[in-house]
Amino acid sequence: MFYHGFVLGLLVDTQNDYQVKSNRESGYGRYDVILEPHRNTDPAVIMEFKVFAPDEGEKTLEDTVKRALQQIETKKYDTDLLARGIPKERILKYGFAFQGKTCLIRKG
C-alpha cells in the first residue's frame, strides 16, 4: 500500500530511539507499523492504516479510522510489546484513514 511505505519513510529519523517494525505478526494478525522503543521507559506506538471503504458500510473517514483502531484491539497487536515488558498505558495506538489526498488520524 502506498500510504504504508510513505509513512515508513517519514519515520527514518526515529532510528536512534525506536526500532521501526512493519507488517509482522503479533497477536492474531499482522500490524501495519510498530515503533518499538529501545528503552522500556519510552512509549511504544502501534499504527494501523485503512483506506475508506464505502462498500464495507463506511459512510465517513471517521468510520474508517474507527475500523483501524478496532482492528488493533481485536487482533491484539500489542501482544509482543506487552510480553517485552512495556506497560499497556505506555502503548499508544493510532488509526489512520485515507481517502484520496485526505487523511484522518485518531488516537485510540
Protein backbone atom coordinates (compact mmCIF):
# COMPACT_ATOMS: atom_id res chain seq x y z
CA MET A 1 0.00 0.00 0.00
CA PHE A 2 1.37 3.42 -0.98
CA TYR A 3 0.46 5.07 2.34
CA HIS A 4 2.26 2.40 4.33
CA GLY A 5 5.58 2.96 2.53
CA PHE A 6 5.19 6.74 2.67
CA VAL A 7 4.72 6.74 6.45
CA LEU A 8 7.67 4.38 6.91
CA GLY A 9 9.84 6.86 5.02
CA LEU A 10 8.80 9.62 7.42
CA LEU A 11 9.93 7.52 10.38
CA VAL A 12 13.58 7.23 9.34
CA ASP A 13 14.67 9.84 11.93
CA THR A 14 13.29 7.73 14.79
CA GLN A 15 16.03 5.07 14.48
CA ASN A 16 18.05 6.37 17.44
CA ASP A 17 15.15 5.86 19.84
CA TYR A 18 12.95 3.27 18.12
CA GLN A 19 13.06 0.17 16.02
CA VAL A 20 10.54 0.53 13.21
CA LYS A 21 8.76 -2.74 12.50
CA SER A 22 6.30 -3.29 9.69
CA ASN A 23 3.85 -5.99 8.68
CA ARG A 24 4.91 -8.54 11.30
CA GLU A 25 2.75 -10.98 13.20
CA SER A 26 1.62 -10.12 16.69
CA GLY A 27 -1.46 -11.36 18.48
CA TYR A 28 -3.94 -12.62 15.89
CA GLY A 29 -2.72 -10.82 12.79
CA ARG A 30 -0.19 -8.55 11.11
CA TYR A 31 0.06 -4.94 12.18
CA ASP A 32 1.00 -2.18 9.75
CA VAL A 33 3.68 -0.36 11.77
CA ILE A 34 5.02 -0.54 15.31
CA LEU A 35 7.60 1.81 16.79
CA GLU A 36 9.29 -0.30 19.44
CA PRO A 37 11.35 1.79 21.86
CA HIS A 38 14.94 0.87 22.61
CA ARG A 39 14.21 1.81 26.24
CA ASN A 40 11.17 0.33 28.00
CA THR A 41 10.63 3.71 29.69
CA ASP A 42 9.69 5.31 26.34
CA PRO A 43 6.24 4.86 24.80
CA ALA A 44 5.64 2.34 22.03
CA VAL A 45 3.41 3.21 19.08
CA ILE A 46 1.10 0.98 17.03
CA MET A 47 -0.20 2.36 13.71
CA GLU A 48 -2.90 0.82 11.56
CA PHE A 49 -3.75 2.20 8.10
CA LYS A 50 -7.07 1.88 6.31
CA VAL A 51 -8.42 3.21 3.04
CA PHE A 52 -12.02 4.50 3.08
CA ALA A 53 -14.26 1.60 2.03
CA PRO A 54 -17.90 2.58 1.39
CA ASP A 55 -18.53 -0.97 0.10
CA GLU A 56 -17.87 -2.13 3.69
CA GLY A 57 -20.53 0.18 5.08
CA GLU A 58 -18.30 3.13 5.88
CA LYS A 59 -20.00 6.48 5.45
CA THR A 60 -17.16 8.75 6.61
CA LEU A 61 -13.43 8.71 7.29
CA GLU A 62 -14.38 8.62 10.96
CA ASP A 63 -15.88 5.15 10.33
CA THR A 64 -12.64 4.11 8.63
CA VAL A 65 -10.41 5.32 11.45
CA LYS A 66 -12.65 3.55 13.99
CA ARG A 67 -12.22 0.34 11.98
CA ALA A 68 -8.43 0.75 12.13
CA LEU A 69 -8.45 1.29 15.91
CA GLN A 70 -10.83 -1.61 16.42
CA GLN A 71 -8.52 -3.90 14.45
CA ILE A 72 -5.61 -3.01 16.74
CA GLU A 73 -7.70 -4.14 19.70
CA THR A 74 -9.40 -7.22 18.26
CA LYS A 75 -6.18 -8.58 16.71
CA LYS A 76 -4.25 -7.80 19.92
CA TYR A 77 -1.34 -6.15 18.11
CA ASP A 78 0.11 -5.09 21.48
CA THR A 79 0.88 -8.72 22.46
CA ASP A 80 4.62 -8.64 21.67
CA LEU A 81 5.10 -5.22 23.28
CA LEU A 82 3.38 -6.39 26.47
CA ALA A 83 5.50 -9.55 26.51
CA ARG A 84 8.59 -7.38 26.26
CA GLY A 85 7.53 -5.63 29.46
CA ILE A 86 6.14 -2.40 28.05
CA PRO A 87 3.15 -1.42 30.21
CA LYS A 88 -0.22 -1.14 28.46
CA GLU A 89 -0.52 2.53 29.47
CA ARG A 90 2.72 3.27 27.55
CA ILE A 91 1.46 1.78 24.28
CA LEU A 92 -0.02 4.46 22.03
CA LYS A 93 -2.43 3.31 19.33
CA TYR A 94 -3.21 5.33 16.21
CA GLY A 95 -5.64 4.69 13.40
CA PHE A 96 -5.03 6.31 10.01
CA ALA A 97 -7.86 6.66 7.49
CA PHE A 98 -7.17 7.67 3.89
CA GLN A 99 -9.43 8.84 1.08
CA GLY A 100 -7.51 10.22 -1.86
CA LYS A 101 -5.36 13.06 -0.50
CA THR A 102 -7.37 13.31 2.70
CA CYS A 103 -6.12 11.67 5.87
CA LEU A 104 -7.73 11.40 9.30
CA ILE A 105 -5.70 10.23 12.31
CA ARG A 106 -7.15 9.32 15.68
CA LYS A 107 -5.54 8.10 18.86
CA GLY A 108 -7.13 5.06 20.45
